[in-house]
Amino acid sequence: MNKKSVDYLNGRLFPMILKFSIPAAVSLLITAVYNIVDRMFVGNFNGTSALAGLSVCFPLSYMMMAFALTCSAGGSTFFSLFSGQNEEDKMNKSFGNAFVLVCFFEIMLTILLLLFPAPVLKIFGVTQTSYPYAISYYRIVALGCLFQGLSQLFCDFVRVSGKPVLGMCVMGIGAATNIVLDAVFIIVFDWGVVGAAGATVIGQIFSALFGAYLVFGKKTQVTISPGIFRLEKGLCQRIISCGFSFFVAQMAMGFISLVYNSQLGKYGGDIAISVYAVVSSIMTFVIMPASGISQGIQPIVGNNYGGGNYKRVIQTLFQASVFSVSITCVIWLAVLFFPRQILAAFGGTEEMFRIGITGLRINFCITPVLGFVMLATTFFQSINRPAPSIAITILRQIVFLVPFIIIFPVLFGINGIFFAQPISDLLATILSLYLVLRERKRILAL
């Protein structure tokens, strides 16, 4: 058995949460940087229609991450659970099967995207003025699906091997590459959205190569052998089932982007869509740290749950909840007090300020609760109980939110669109609290 570098069962709990959560949160924020940096450069140097074109393509990133996280989160969860049970062979097979699944799903996604660009962009809500920018960006970014998926997979398995900082570096190398190339391609060469897309894909390739070096170069707890890549039907089903809540979450966010773009285009045109590009970018800075903290506690929860140390599982959840809500409060205050400055960073115009300042404040009015909601969804996945995670995600992102986005603007105008998210989040918080308390009772009774 590979020697564990972390004492999950007996180590000091909160320092361990910090050790794993901070790099995981940074890793996810770095993932978001790929799209956000593109938007900032294009918004400042290529105008509103170009920014709207990139915003229309934002669901692409959700689709890539949906398949990646299904396999990487499911595989790494079982890696941790098997680690708690000291089953090395099953740990390695969890990686091998997840690796093959990521490759299959991401390659198929690339093929489908390249075969049907016009229908997909129409579904995404592209406008006539933003279409030339959107199609140029779309065709190049679609080529990066496999590299994005592998980057996430390697990042997750490096992290649950007890090396969260190295896992963070997997994504960091790609993000740094993307930022540098964005500056070169967009400012120096004036390649616009084509340059932004090229920088994104090259960054993803660098991340995937570094992650492969760590995992295949024996820098983690994974032991590579040909046998671990032989698909086992039962294990694949368990990986996909366990990670399915992430698939639902990512696809739901992509679907919501389509609904938002459609409604915003109807009530405010390219300006409103550009404002939502900023809103969704900032929302990423809320979701990613909260989700990172959740993923950070995954190996702690998985090892303790697998080892039968249920009281410590609940203690981890409580301490992580306090930490997560505290982090989201900081971002919440920044948005409430500095909305104009945030919009200006994305090339904001007076027209964007007119819609965006109020829109940002409304959309983020109860942001701190998201820290708990995101933690709850990942917590259930970490103990291989995906049903509550799926329920929270579907209700929050689809059942509650979609009707609000459609109905509220009829009653309250364009601001009604921004009211939809906080009301949906409030309902999701109540549901999450109920499910977590019920799960606590069940675990402590074992």
Protein backbone atom coordinates (compact mmCIF):
# COMPACT_ATOMS: atom_id res chain seq x y z
CA MET A 1 0.00 0.00 0.00
CA ASN A 2 1.27 3.48 -0.84
CA LYS A 3 2.05 5.38 2.31
CA LYS A 4 -0.46 8.14 2.94
CA SER A 5 1.08 11.58 3.26
CA VAL A 6 -1.81 12.84 5.43
CA ASP A 7 -3.36 11.36 8.59
CA TYR A 8 -7.00 11.85 7.61
CA LEU A 9 -8.37 9.94 10.60
CA ASN A 10 -6.47 11.63 13.44
CA GLY A 11 -4.83 14.83 12.18
CA ARG A 12 -5.90 18.28 13.37
CA LEU A 13 -9.12 18.90 11.50
CA PHE A 14 -9.32 22.61 10.62
CA PRO A 15 -5.67 22.94 9.53
CA MET A 16 -6.28 19.89 7.32
CA ILE A 17 -9.42 21.51 5.88
CA LEU A 18 -7.38 24.63 5.09
CA LYS A 19 -4.55 22.57 3.58
CA PHE A 20 -6.88 20.88 1.11
CA SER A 21 -9.59 23.49 0.60
CA ILE A 22 -7.47 26.52 -0.27
CA PRO A 23 -5.55 24.85 -3.13
CA ALA A 24 -8.77 23.20 -4.38
CA ALA A 25 -10.57 26.56 -4.37
CA VAL A 26 -7.65 28.21 -6.14
CA SER A 27 -7.64 25.39 -8.72
CA LEU A 28 -11.29 25.96 -9.54
CA LEU A 29 -10.82 29.72 -9.64
CA ILE A 30 -7.96 29.18 -12.04
CA THR A 31 -10.30 27.11 -14.21
CA ALA A 32 -12.67 30.06 -14.27
CA VAL A 33 -9.82 32.37 -15.25
CA TYR A 34 -9.73 30.75 -18.70
CA ASN A 35 -13.08 32.34 -19.58
CA ILE A 36 -12.93 35.43 -17.40
CA VAL A 37 -9.56 36.61 -18.71
CA ASP A 38 -10.78 36.12 -22.28
CA ARG A 39 -13.80 38.28 -21.50
CA MET A 40 -11.77 41.03 -19.86
CA PHE A 41 -9.33 41.31 -22.77
CA VAL A 42 -12.00 41.08 -25.46
CA GLY A 43 -14.36 43.45 -23.62
CA ASN A 44 -11.64 46.08 -23.33
CA PHE A 45 -10.05 45.71 -26.78
CA ASN A 46 -12.79 44.42 -29.10
CA GLY A 47 -16.08 45.91 -27.92
CA THR A 48 -19.53 44.90 -26.68
CA SER A 49 -20.57 42.67 -29.60
CA ALA A 50 -17.36 40.64 -29.33
CA LEU A 51 -17.90 40.27 -25.58
CA ALA A 52 -21.48 39.15 -26.24
CA GLY A 53 -20.11 36.55 -28.69
CA LEU A 54 -17.88 35.10 -25.99
CA SER A 55 -20.72 35.20 -23.46
CA VAL A 56 -22.95 33.24 -25.83
CA CYS A 57 -20.27 30.54 -25.95
CA PHE A 58 -19.95 30.32 -22.17
CA PRO A 59 -22.15 27.17 -21.96
CA LEU A 60 -19.30 25.37 -23.79
CA SER A 61 -17.17 25.50 -20.66
CA TYR A 62 -20.02 24.07 -18.59
CA MET A 63 -20.45 21.20 -21.05
CA MET A 64 -16.73 20.36 -20.95
CA MET A 65 -16.67 20.49 -17.17
CA ALA A 66 -19.88 18.47 -16.87
CA PHE A 67 -18.27 15.36 -18.35
CA ALA A 68 -14.90 16.03 -16.72
CA LEU A 69 -16.29 16.44 -13.21
CA THR A 70 -18.65 13.47 -13.54
CA CYS A 71 -15.66 11.19 -14.05
CA SER A 72 -13.01 12.98 -11.99
CA ALA A 73 -15.22 13.68 -8.96
CA GLY A 74 -16.75 10.21 -9.05
CA GLY A 75 -13.39 8.50 -9.55
CA SER A 76 -11.58 10.55 -6.90
CA THR A 77 -14.40 9.97 -4.40
CA PHE A 78 -13.97 6.22 -4.69
CA PHE A 79 -10.20 6.68 -4.62
CA SER A 80 -10.62 8.28 -1.17
CA LEU A 81 -13.19 5.75 0.04
CA PHE A 82 -10.98 2.83 -1.03
CA SER A 83 -7.99 4.56 0.55
CA GLY A 84 -9.85 4.63 3.87
CA GLN A 85 -10.41 0.89 3.46
CA ASN A 86 -6.74 0.26 2.45
CA GLU A 87 -7.68 -1.26 -0.93
CA GLU A 88 -4.85 -0.19 -3.22
CA ASP A 89 -5.92 -2.16 -6.29
CA LYS A 90 -9.38 -0.57 -6.28
CA MET A 91 -7.84 2.88 -5.78
CA ASN A 92 -5.76 2.50 -8.95
CA LYS A 93 -8.70 1.13 -10.94
CA SER A 94 -10.75 4.16 -9.87
CA PHE A 95 -8.20 6.36 -11.64
CA GLY A 96 -7.81 4.14 -14.70
CA ASN A 97 -11.53 3.80 -15.36
CA ALA A 98 -12.14 7.52 -14.76
CA PHE A 99 -9.32 8.36 -17.21
CA VAL A 100 -10.81 6.24 -20.00
CA LEU A 101 -14.29 7.66 -19.38
CA VAL A 102 -13.03 11.26 -19.56
CA CYS A 103 -11.25 10.59 -22.84
CA PHE A 104 -14.32 8.95 -24.37
CA PHE A 105 -16.85 11.59 -23.31
CA GLU A 106 -14.71 14.62 -24.17
CA ILE A 107 -13.73 13.31 -27.62
CA MET A 108 -17.38 12.58 -28.41
CA LEU A 109 -18.33 16.07 -27.24
CA THR A 110 -15.72 17.64 -29.55
CA ILE A 111 -17.03 15.67 -32.53
CA LEU A 112 -20.63 16.68 -31.88
CA LEU A 113 -19.76 20.35 -31.38
CA LEU A 114 -17.74 20.54 -34.60
CA LEU A 115 -20.41 18.77 -36.62
CA PHE A 116 -23.26 21.08 -35.59
CA PRO A 117 -21.89 24.59 -34.86
CA ALA A 118 -24.77 26.66 -36.26
CA PRO A 119 -27.60 24.78 -34.49
CA VAL A 120 -25.68 24.75 -31.21
CA LEU A 121 -25.01 28.50 -31.33
CA LYS A 122 -28.65 29.12 -32.15
CA ILE A 123 -29.59 27.16 -29.05
CA PHE A 124 -27.04 29.20 -27.10
CA GLY A 125 -28.98 32.35 -28.03
CA VAL A 126 -26.53 34.02 -30.41
CA THR A 127 -27.61 37.35 -31.88
CA GLN A 128 -27.01 38.47 -35.46
CA THR A 129 -24.36 41.02 -34.46
CA SER A 130 -22.46 38.66 -32.15
CA TYR A 131 -22.57 35.58 -34.45
CA PRO A 132 -19.30 36.24 -36.38
CA TYR A 133 -17.41 36.54 -33.09
CA ALA A 134 -19.17 33.58 -31.49
CA ILE A 135 -18.53 31.12 -34.35
CA SER A 136 -14.83 32.02 -34.52
CA TYR A 137 -14.41 31.47 -30.78
CA TYR A 138 -16.59 28.34 -30.73
CA ARG A 139 -14.73 26.38 -33.42
CA ILE A 140 -11.36 26.73 -31.71
CA VAL A 141 -12.49 26.23 -28.09
CA ALA A 142 -14.35 23.04 -29.08
CA LEU A 143 -10.94 21.51 -29.86
CA GLY A 144 -9.93 21.88 -26.21
CA CYS A 145 -12.55 19.57 -24.67
CA LEU A 146 -10.18 16.62 -24.12
CA PHE A 147 -7.43 18.76 -22.60
CA GLN A 148 -9.87 20.54 -20.26
CA GLY A 149 -11.27 17.19 -19.13
CA LEU A 150 -7.86 15.63 -18.51
CA SER A 151 -6.64 18.72 -16.65
CA GLN A 152 -9.55 18.43 -14.21
CA LEU A 153 -9.03 14.67 -13.81
CA PHE A 154 -5.31 14.98 -13.06
CA CYS A 155 -5.93 17.91 -10.72
CA ASP A 156 -8.48 15.95 -8.66
CA PHE A 157 -6.38 12.80 -8.36
CA VAL A 158 -3.22 14.71 -7.45
CA ARG A 159 -5.23 16.49 -4.75
CA VAL A 160 -6.78 13.35 -3.19
CA SER A 161 -3.32 11.77 -3.21
CA GLY A 162 -2.48 14.25 -0.45
CA LYS A 163 -0.79 16.87 -2.65
CA PRO A 164 -3.32 19.72 -2.95
CA VAL A 165 -0.75 22.39 -3.86
CA LEU A 166 0.55 20.33 -6.79
CA GLY A 167 -3.05 19.79 -7.86
CA MET A 168 -3.50 23.55 -7.87
CA CYS A 169 -0.37 23.90 -10.00
CA VAL A 170 -1.89 21.62 -12.66
CA MET A 171 -4.51 24.28 -13.37
CA GLY A 172 -2.21 27.20 -12.55
CA ILE A 173 0.25 26.45 -15.34
CA GLY A 174 -2.54 26.53 -17.91
CA ALA A 175 -4.06 29.73 -16.54
CA ALA A 176 -0.72 31.55 -16.51
CA THR A 177 -0.14 30.47 -20.10
CA ASN A 178 -3.62 31.65 -21.07
CA ILE A 179 -3.15 35.11 -19.52
CA VAL A 180 0.22 35.68 -21.19
CA LEU A 181 -1.01 34.48 -24.58
CA ASP A 182 -4.21 36.55 -24.30
CA ALA A 183 -2.08 39.67 -23.92
CA VAL A 184 0.13 38.67 -26.86
CA PHE A 185 -2.60 37.44 -29.22
CA ILE A 186 -5.22 40.14 -28.50
CA ILE A 187 -3.15 43.26 -27.74
CA VAL A 188 0.02 42.68 -29.76
CA PHE A 189 -1.25 40.66 -32.74
CA ASP A 190 -4.84 42.01 -32.67
CA TRP A 191 -6.34 38.55 -33.25
CA GLY A 192 -9.47 39.34 -31.19
CA VAL A 193 -11.72 36.40 -30.28
CA VAL A 194 -9.57 34.01 -32.33
CA GLY A 195 -6.59 34.91 -30.19
CA ALA A 196 -8.64 34.49 -27.00
CA ALA A 197 -9.77 31.03 -28.09
CA GLY A 198 -6.28 29.97 -29.11
CA ALA A 199 -4.83 31.12 -25.79
CA THR A 200 -7.49 29.13 -23.93
CA VAL A 201 -6.79 25.86 -25.74
CA ILE A 202 -3.00 26.18 -25.51
CA GLY A 203 -3.35 26.80 -21.77
CA GLN A 204 -5.48 23.68 -21.41
CA ILE A 205 -2.86 21.63 -23.25
CA PHE A 206 -0.13 22.82 -20.88
CA SER A 207 -2.25 21.91 -17.84
CA ALA A 208 -2.99 18.43 -19.19
CA LEU A 209 0.69 17.77 -19.95
CA PHE A 210 1.83 18.79 -16.47
CA GLY A 211 -0.93 16.73 -14.84
CA ALA A 212 0.06 13.70 -16.92
CA TYR A 213 3.66 14.14 -15.83
CA LEU A 214 2.65 14.05 -12.16
CA VAL A 215 0.31 11.06 -12.36
CA PHE A 216 2.20 8.94 -14.87
CA GLY A 217 5.54 10.02 -13.42
CA LYS A 218 4.80 8.35 -10.06
CA LYS A 219 4.40 11.62 -8.16
CA THR A 220 1.04 10.60 -6.63
CA GLN A 221 -0.55 7.63 -4.85
CA VAL A 222 -1.72 6.26 -8.21
CA THR A 223 0.26 3.23 -9.40
CA ILE A 224 0.03 2.99 -13.19
CA SER A 225 -0.28 -0.40 -14.90
CA PRO A 226 -2.12 -1.50 -18.08
CA GLY A 227 -4.74 -3.39 -16.08
CA ILE A 228 -6.19 -0.32 -14.38
CA PHE A 229 -7.40 1.06 -17.73
CA ARG A 230 -9.54 -2.02 -18.42
CA LEU A 231 -13.10 -0.82 -17.98
CA GLU A 232 -15.15 -2.58 -15.32
CA LYS A 233 -18.87 -2.14 -15.85
CA GLY A 234 -19.74 -2.05 -12.16
CA LEU A 235 -17.01 0.45 -11.26
CA CYS A 236 -17.83 2.71 -14.22
CA GLN A 237 -21.48 2.76 -13.20
CA ARG A 238 -20.53 3.66 -9.62
CA ILE A 239 -18.16 6.43 -10.78
CA ILE A 240 -20.77 7.97 -13.09
CA SER A 241 -23.53 7.60 -10.50
CA CYS A 242 -21.42 9.22 -7.79
CA GLY A 243 -20.27 12.08 -10.01
CA PHE A 244 -23.62 12.57 -11.73
CA SER A 245 -24.61 15.39 -9.39
CA PHE A 246 -21.71 17.39 -10.88
CA PHE A 247 -22.93 16.60 -14.39
CA VAL A 248 -26.39 17.85 -13.48
CA ALA A 249 -24.93 20.98 -11.85
CA GLN A 250 -22.73 21.90 -14.82
CA MET A 251 -25.34 21.16 -17.48
CA ALA A 252 -27.92 23.06 -15.45
CA MET A 253 -25.61 26.08 -15.31
CA GLY A 254 -25.10 25.83 -19.06
CA PHE A 255 -28.85 25.58 -19.60
CA ILE A 256 -29.46 28.54 -17.34
CA SER A 257 -26.96 30.56 -19.40
CA LEU A 258 -29.11 29.87 -22.44
CA VAL A 259 -32.29 30.96 -20.68
CA TYR A 260 -30.58 34.09 -19.35
CA ASN A 261 -29.15 35.00 -22.78
CA SER A 262 -32.55 34.54 -24.41
CA GLN A 263 -34.38 36.69 -21.87
CA LEU A 264 -31.67 39.34 -21.63
CA GLY A 265 -31.45 39.58 -25.42
CA LYS A 266 -35.24 40.03 -25.50
CA TYR A 267 -35.34 42.76 -22.86
CA GLY A 268 -31.96 44.50 -23.33
CA GLY A 269 -30.04 43.24 -26.39
CA ASP A 270 -26.24 42.84 -26.54
CA ILE A 271 -25.72 45.32 -23.70
CA ALA A 272 -27.77 43.20 -21.29
CA ILE A 273 -26.05 39.99 -22.45
CA SER A 274 -22.68 41.65 -21.84
CA VAL A 275 -23.80 42.61 -18.32
CA TYR A 276 -24.72 38.99 -17.67
CA ALA A 277 -21.23 38.01 -18.89
CA VAL A 278 -19.90 40.05 -15.98
CA VAL A 279 -22.52 38.72 -13.53
CA SER A 280 -21.76 35.10 -14.40
CA SER A 281 -18.02 35.77 -14.21
CA ILE A 282 -18.33 37.23 -10.71
CA MET A 283 -20.70 34.42 -9.71
CA THR A 284 -17.88 32.09 -10.64
CA PHE A 285 -15.77 33.75 -7.97
CA VAL A 286 -18.49 32.84 -5.47
CA ILE A 287 -19.19 29.31 -6.62
CA MET A 288 -15.61 28.23 -7.20
CA PRO A 289 -14.22 28.98 -3.71
CA ALA A 290 -17.28 27.40 -2.09
CA SER A 291 -17.06 24.39 -4.41
CA GLY A 292 -13.29 24.25 -3.83
CA ILE A 293 -13.79 24.03 -0.09
CA SER A 294 -16.29 21.26 -0.70
CA GLN A 295 -13.86 19.39 -2.94
CA GLY A 296 -11.09 20.09 -0.46
CA ILE A 297 -12.87 18.17 2.29
CA GLN A 298 -13.63 15.27 -0.08
CA PRO A 299 -10.57 13.16 0.84
CA ILE A 300 -11.08 13.94 4.55
CA VAL A 301 -14.76 12.98 4.46
CA GLY A 302 -14.16 9.99 2.15
CA ASN A 303 -11.36 8.50 4.22
CA ASN A 304 -13.22 8.98 7.50
CA TYR A 305 -16.51 7.72 6.11
CA GLY A 306 -14.77 4.71 4.58
CA GLY A 307 -13.03 4.07 7.92
CA GLY A 308 -16.28 4.34 9.93
CA ASN A 309 -15.28 7.54 11.77
CA TYR A 310 -18.70 9.17 11.34
CA LYS A 311 -18.49 11.77 14.10
CA ARG A 312 -15.42 13.26 12.41
CA VAL A 313 -17.34 13.38 9.12
CA ILE A 314 -19.96 15.63 10.73
CA GLN A 315 -17.29 17.76 12.42
CA THR A 316 -15.62 18.29 9.03
CA LEU A 317 -18.92 19.37 7.48
CA PHE A 318 -19.63 21.89 10.27
CA GLN A 319 -16.18 23.50 10.27
CA ALA A 320 -16.09 23.66 6.45
CA SER A 321 -19.55 25.30 6.43
CA VAL A 322 -18.37 28.13 8.67
CA PHE A 323 -15.27 28.60 6.51
CA SER A 324 -17.21 28.51 3.24
CA VAL A 325 -19.86 31.04 4.31
CA SER A 326 -17.14 33.36 5.61
CA ILE A 327 -15.31 33.32 2.27
CA THR A 328 -18.46 34.05 0.25
CA CYS A 329 -19.24 36.98 2.58
CA VAL A 330 -16.02 38.69 1.48
CA ILE A 331 -16.97 38.44 -2.21
CA TRP A 332 -20.53 39.51 -1.40
CA LEU A 333 -19.33 42.73 0.24
CA ALA A 334 -17.01 43.49 -2.67
CA VAL A 335 -19.88 43.23 -5.18
CA LEU A 336 -22.25 45.34 -3.08
CA PHE A 337 -19.75 48.18 -2.58
CA PHE A 338 -17.82 48.17 -5.89
CA PRO A 339 -20.20 47.20 -8.75
CA ARG A 340 -19.10 50.08 -11.02
CA GLN A 341 -15.42 49.18 -10.65
CA ILE A 342 -16.17 45.53 -11.41
CA LEU A 343 -18.06 46.42 -14.58
CA ALA A 344 -15.29 48.82 -15.60
CA ALA A 345 -12.76 45.97 -15.39
CA PHE A 346 -14.72 44.25 -18.18
CA GLY A 347 -14.74 47.34 -20.41
CA GLY A 348 -18.00 48.69 -18.98
CA THR A 349 -19.75 51.54 -20.78
CA GLU A 350 -22.34 53.97 -19.42
CA GLU A 351 -25.07 51.79 -20.91
CA MET A 352 -23.65 48.77 -19.08
CA PHE A 353 -23.45 50.76 -15.85
CA ARG A 354 -27.12 51.73 -16.18
CA ILE A 355 -28.24 48.08 -16.21
CA GLY A 356 -25.32 46.39 -14.51
CA ILE A 357 -24.84 48.24 -11.21
CA THR A 358 -28.38 47.49 -10.03
CA GLY A 359 -28.30 44.06 -11.66
CA LEU A 360 -25.13 43.02 -9.82
CA ARG A 361 -26.45 44.17 -6.45
CA ILE A 362 -29.77 42.40 -6.90
CA ASN A 363 -28.23 39.18 -8.19
CA PHE A 364 -25.80 38.96 -5.27
CA CYS A 365 -28.06 40.19 -2.45
CA ILE A 366 -28.01 36.87 -0.51
CA THR A 367 -24.75 35.45 -1.82
CA PRO A 368 -23.36 34.18 1.53
CA VAL A 369 -25.88 31.32 1.67
CA LEU A 370 -24.31 29.84 -1.47
CA GLY A 371 -21.30 28.80 0.61
CA PHE A 372 -23.50 26.33 2.48
CA VAL A 373 -25.53 25.19 -0.54
CA MET A 374 -22.44 24.34 -2.58
CA LEU A 375 -20.90 22.52 0.37
CA ALA A 376 -24.06 20.48 0.94
CA THR A 377 -24.23 19.26 -2.66
CA THR A 378 -20.61 18.09 -2.70
CA PHE A 379 -20.81 16.62 0.82
CA PHE A 380 -23.47 14.11 -0.25
CA GLN A 381 -21.41 13.15 -3.28
CA SER A 382 -18.33 12.64 -1.08
CA ILE A 383 -20.11 9.95 0.97
CA ASN A 384 -21.51 8.26 -2.17
CA ARG A 385 -25.07 9.47 -1.64
CA PRO A 386 -25.66 11.44 -4.86
CA ALA A 387 -29.48 11.60 -4.73
CA PRO A 388 -29.71 14.58 -2.32
CA SER A 389 -27.03 16.44 -4.34
CA ILE A 390 -28.97 15.91 -7.55
CA ALA A 391 -32.22 17.02 -5.88
CA ILE A 392 -30.69 20.26 -4.57
CA THR A 393 -29.09 21.05 -7.92
CA ILE A 394 -32.13 20.35 -10.10
CA LEU A 395 -34.48 22.27 -7.82
CA ARG A 396 -32.14 25.26 -7.42
CA GLN A 397 -30.95 25.57 -11.01
CA ILE A 398 -33.99 24.44 -12.98
CA VAL A 399 -37.27 23.91 -11.12
CA PHE A 400 -36.99 27.10 -9.05
CA LEU A 401 -34.88 29.33 -11.27
CA VAL A 402 -36.16 28.90 -14.84
CA PRO A 403 -39.79 29.91 -14.13
CA PHE A 404 -38.54 32.94 -12.16
CA ILE A 405 -36.33 34.08 -15.09
CA ILE A 406 -39.32 33.87 -17.45
CA ILE A 407 -42.02 35.32 -15.17
CA PHE A 408 -40.25 38.06 -13.20
CA PRO A 409 -39.23 40.30 -16.15
CA VAL A 410 -42.87 40.37 -17.25
CA LEU A 411 -43.74 41.80 -13.84
CA PHE A 412 -40.65 43.86 -12.99
CA GLY A 413 -38.82 44.50 -16.27
CA ILE A 414 -35.16 43.61 -16.81
CA ASN A 415 -34.37 43.79 -13.07
CA GLY A 416 -36.77 40.91 -12.57
CA ILE A 417 -34.28 38.66 -14.39
CA PHE A 418 -31.66 39.47 -11.75
CA PHE A 419 -34.09 38.82 -8.88
CA ALA A 420 -34.57 35.21 -10.04
CA GLN A 421 -31.22 33.87 -8.77
CA PRO A 422 -31.33 35.09 -5.14
CA ILE A 423 -34.89 33.87 -4.61
CA SER A 424 -33.97 30.47 -6.04
CA ASP A 425 -30.87 30.35 -3.81
CA LEU A 426 -32.93 31.11 -0.71
CA LEU A 427 -35.29 28.21 -1.42
CA ALA A 428 -32.29 25.93 -2.11
CA THR A 429 -30.73 26.90 1.23
CA ILE A 430 -33.83 25.84 3.14
CA LEU A 431 -33.87 22.50 1.29
CA SER A 432 -30.14 21.93 1.83
CA LEU A 433 -30.38 22.60 5.55
CA TYR A 434 -33.20 20.09 5.91
CA LEU A 435 -31.36 17.36 3.97
CA VAL A 436 -28.07 17.89 5.84
CA LEU A 437 -29.76 17.71 9.26
CA ARG A 438 -31.53 14.52 8.20
CA GLU A 439 -28.25 13.04 6.96
CA ARG A 440 -26.51 14.01 10.20
CA LYS A 441 -29.10 12.07 12.17
CA ARG A 442 -28.64 9.03 9.93
CA ILE A 443 -24.83 9.05 10.10
CA LEU A 444 -24.61 9.45 13.86
CA ALA A 445 -27.03 6.54 14.28
CA LEU A 446 -24.71 4.14 12.39
